[in-house]
Amino acid sequence: MRTIYYVFLVLIFLLGNNLYSQIYVGGGVNYAMPMENFTDYNKNVIGYNIQLENRQFCKLWYGLRFNYTELEPQDNQINYFKTISELTPQIKYAPFTSNCFDHKFIPYLYGNLSLSSITGTDELSKIGIGAGLGIGLAYNFKLFDSCWMIELNSIYSAPNTIYRADGRENLKLINSAITVSVRI
């Protein structure tokens, strides 16, 4: 039993160290632009994001991102949406690059699913499930003996397109973000 314990610890150390070295944590700001019927209720606003990503593979990154945006109503609008909080598993694919080394611009395609909480002046359920597709451009570099990445991306998002409360409209927005992340 003791041998199994030691083997398990060694495997965790070896595998965990390999995966750990490619984990990036970051944060940034979003600029949310409501689209279609959403523009009747709310203005363009700034929000925030935090992300945790595994970049073990050069062309394929995946992770989890949290977006929070406090919405601002249109002038003289009585019914409007107050906040959007999204937890999004995401995947980024960089088909146009041959390697992902330092000091390189990396264009990528971006997709996500989202579990959202959308509060409004109505009494409808806040929960929504949605999806989004977009594009981005990343630049990686070294600073303070660490690997860093700065990303600019824009995604067409519908945070409640798959599931939403009866009576709630399908909200769509373009969410553009700049995010800085560091390898932990």
Protein backbone atom coordinates (compact mmCIF):
# COMPACT_ATOMS: atom_id res chain seq x y z
CA MET A 1 0.00 0.00 0.00
CA ARG A 2 2.85 2.36 0.84
CA THR A 3 4.44 1.74 -2.60
CA ILE A 4 1.20 2.66 -4.37
CA TYR A 5 1.09 5.86 -2.33
CA TYR A 6 4.65 6.82 -3.39
CA VAL A 7 4.01 5.95 -7.04
CA PHE A 8 0.86 8.05 -6.94
CA LEU A 9 2.79 11.01 -5.46
CA VAL A 10 5.52 10.71 -8.10
CA LEU A 11 2.94 10.59 -10.91
CA ILE A 12 1.15 13.64 -9.53
CA PHE A 13 4.45 15.50 -9.29
CA LEU A 14 5.59 14.54 -12.81
CA LEU A 15 2.25 15.04 -14.56
CA GLY A 16 1.18 17.99 -12.45
CA ASN A 17 4.48 19.79 -13.00
CA ASN A 18 4.14 19.34 -16.77
CA LEU A 19 0.57 20.65 -16.82
CA TYR A 20 1.24 23.31 -14.20
CA SER A 21 3.96 24.89 -16.29
CA GLN A 22 1.49 25.70 -19.08
CA ILE A 23 -1.31 27.17 -16.98
CA TYR A 24 -1.90 30.91 -17.44
CA VAL A 25 -3.97 33.14 -15.20
CA GLY A 26 -5.05 36.59 -16.30
CA GLY A 27 -7.50 39.42 -16.21
CA GLY A 28 -8.63 42.35 -18.24
CA VAL A 29 -11.39 44.63 -19.39
CA ASN A 30 -14.28 44.06 -21.80
CA TYR A 31 -16.23 46.48 -23.92
CA ALA A 32 -19.75 45.09 -24.31
CA MET A 33 -21.81 46.35 -27.27
CA PRO A 34 -25.45 45.23 -27.21
CA MET A 35 -26.83 44.05 -30.57
CA GLU A 36 -30.29 43.87 -32.14
CA ASN A 37 -33.13 44.10 -29.56
CA PHE A 38 -30.66 44.39 -26.66
CA THR A 39 -29.80 47.94 -27.87
CA ASP A 40 -33.37 49.02 -27.05
CA TYR A 41 -32.63 48.45 -23.36
CA ASN A 42 -28.94 49.06 -22.67
CA LYS A 43 -25.94 51.15 -23.75
CA ASN A 44 -22.37 50.06 -24.51
CA VAL A 45 -20.43 49.52 -21.27
CA ILE A 46 -17.13 48.35 -19.84
CA GLY A 47 -16.84 45.09 -17.87
CA TYR A 48 -14.17 42.85 -16.44
CA ASN A 49 -12.82 39.35 -17.03
CA ILE A 50 -10.68 36.77 -15.25
CA GLN A 51 -9.42 33.67 -17.02
CA LEU A 52 -7.53 30.47 -16.33
CA GLU A 53 -6.17 28.69 -19.42
CA ASN A 54 -4.15 25.62 -20.26
CA ARG A 55 -1.76 26.33 -23.14
CA GLN A 56 -0.01 22.99 -23.17
CA PHE A 57 -0.59 22.68 -26.91
CA CYS A 58 0.73 25.37 -29.23
CA LYS A 59 -2.32 25.69 -31.45
CA LEU A 60 -5.08 24.69 -29.01
CA TRP A 61 -5.78 26.47 -25.72
CA TYR A 62 -8.68 25.77 -23.42
CA GLY A 63 -9.82 27.08 -20.11
CA LEU A 64 -12.39 28.91 -18.07
CA ARG A 65 -13.27 32.58 -18.13
CA PHE A 66 -15.48 34.72 -15.91
CA ASN A 67 -16.98 37.94 -17.31
CA TYR A 68 -18.81 40.52 -15.21
CA THR A 69 -20.53 43.54 -16.72
CA GLU A 70 -22.71 46.15 -15.01
CA LEU A 71 -25.12 47.37 -17.66
CA GLU A 72 -26.34 50.91 -18.14
CA PRO A 73 -29.90 51.60 -19.33
CA GLN A 74 -30.75 53.63 -22.40
CA ASP A 75 -32.00 57.13 -21.61
CA ASN A 76 -35.57 57.14 -20.24
CA GLN A 77 -35.75 53.32 -20.33
CA ILE A 78 -37.85 51.83 -17.51
CA ASN A 79 -37.28 48.16 -18.34
CA TYR A 80 -33.64 47.22 -18.79
CA PHE A 81 -30.99 44.69 -17.80
CA LYS A 82 -28.72 45.44 -14.83
CA THR A 83 -25.84 42.93 -14.88
CA ILE A 84 -24.46 40.00 -16.85
CA SER A 85 -22.21 37.47 -15.12
CA GLU A 86 -20.89 34.67 -17.31
CA LEU A 87 -18.85 31.58 -16.53
CA THR A 88 -17.57 30.31 -19.87
CA PRO A 89 -15.60 27.20 -20.74
CA GLN A 90 -13.66 28.35 -23.79
CA ILE A 91 -11.47 26.99 -26.53
CA LYS A 92 -9.04 28.88 -28.75
CA TYR A 93 -7.51 27.47 -31.91
CA ALA A 94 -4.57 29.07 -33.75
CA PRO A 95 -4.53 27.48 -37.24
CA PHE A 96 -2.44 30.24 -38.83
CA THR A 97 0.77 29.82 -36.81
CA SER A 98 3.49 27.20 -37.00
CA ASN A 99 4.95 27.80 -33.52
CA CYS A 100 4.08 29.74 -30.40
CA PHE A 101 7.40 31.01 -29.12
CA ASP A 102 8.20 34.33 -27.47
CA HIS A 103 7.68 37.66 -29.19
CA LYS A 104 5.19 36.37 -31.71
CA PHE A 105 1.73 37.51 -32.79
CA ILE A 106 -0.73 34.61 -32.82
CA PRO A 107 -4.14 35.01 -34.48
CA TYR A 108 -6.78 32.56 -33.24
CA LEU A 109 -10.40 31.49 -33.52
CA TYR A 110 -12.39 31.51 -30.30
CA GLY A 111 -15.50 29.68 -29.15
CA ASN A 112 -17.28 29.24 -25.86
CA LEU A 113 -20.35 28.02 -24.05
CA SER A 114 -21.66 30.14 -21.22
CA LEU A 115 -23.61 29.76 -18.04
CA SER A 116 -24.95 33.23 -17.37
CA SER A 117 -26.83 35.18 -14.76
CA ILE A 118 -28.64 38.16 -16.28
CA THR A 119 -30.40 40.45 -13.84
CA GLY A 120 -33.03 42.91 -14.98
CA THR A 121 -35.90 45.03 -13.79
CA ASP A 122 -38.25 42.09 -14.53
CA GLU A 123 -38.96 39.18 -12.17
CA LEU A 124 -37.90 36.46 -14.64
CA SER A 125 -35.29 33.81 -13.88
CA LYS A 126 -31.73 35.12 -14.25
CA ILE A 127 -30.21 31.85 -15.48
CA GLY A 128 -29.20 31.47 -19.11
CA ILE A 129 -27.10 29.09 -21.19
CA GLY A 130 -25.56 30.40 -24.36
CA ALA A 131 -22.62 30.34 -26.74
CA GLY A 132 -20.30 32.59 -28.67
CA LEU A 133 -17.84 32.67 -31.57
CA GLY A 134 -15.06 35.13 -32.24
CA ILE A 135 -11.52 35.94 -33.24
CA GLY A 136 -8.47 37.16 -31.39
CA LEU A 137 -4.84 38.13 -31.58
CA ALA A 138 -2.32 37.21 -28.88
CA TYR A 139 1.24 38.37 -28.34
CA ASN A 140 3.53 36.43 -26.00
CA PHE A 141 6.67 37.75 -24.34
CA LYS A 142 8.94 37.33 -21.32
CA LEU A 143 8.96 39.79 -18.43
CA PHE A 144 10.42 39.37 -14.91
CA ASP A 145 11.62 35.86 -15.83
CA SER A 146 8.03 34.76 -16.56
CA CYS A 147 6.04 34.06 -19.70
CA TRP A 148 3.28 36.60 -20.35
CA MET A 149 0.60 37.00 -22.99
CA ILE A 150 -1.52 39.96 -23.99
CA GLU A 151 -4.67 39.22 -25.97
CA LEU A 152 -7.15 41.30 -27.90
CA ASN A 153 -10.29 39.42 -28.87
CA SER A 154 -13.83 40.03 -29.94
CA ILE A 155 -16.67 37.56 -29.65
CA TYR A 156 -20.25 37.56 -30.88
CA SER A 157 -21.99 36.26 -27.79
CA ALA A 158 -25.54 35.20 -27.03
CA PRO A 159 -25.43 34.40 -23.30
CA ASN A 160 -28.96 32.99 -23.18
CA THR A 161 -29.53 31.57 -26.66
CA ILE A 162 -29.68 27.88 -25.64
CA TYR A 163 -31.75 28.30 -22.48
CA ARG A 164 -33.56 31.28 -20.98
CA ALA A 165 -36.65 32.02 -18.93
CA ASP A 166 -39.98 32.02 -20.76
CA GLY A 167 -40.67 35.60 -21.78
CA ARG A 168 -37.01 36.69 -21.71
CA GLU A 169 -35.57 37.87 -25.02
CA ASN A 170 -32.56 36.27 -26.65
CA LEU A 171 -29.82 38.78 -25.84
CA LYS A 172 -26.89 39.25 -28.23
CA LEU A 173 -23.80 41.36 -27.86
CA ILE A 174 -20.30 41.84 -29.18
CA ASN A 175 -17.85 41.54 -26.33
CA SER A 176 -14.36 42.87 -27.10
CA ALA A 177 -11.64 42.38 -24.51
CA ILE A 178 -8.01 43.03 -23.76
CA THR A 179 -6.53 40.52 -21.33
CA VAL A 180 -3.07 40.14 -19.82
CA SER A 181 -2.08 36.74 -18.45
CA VAL A 182 1.01 35.21 -16.88
CA ARG A 183 2.16 31.60 -16.67
CA ILE A 184 1.96 30.27 -13.12
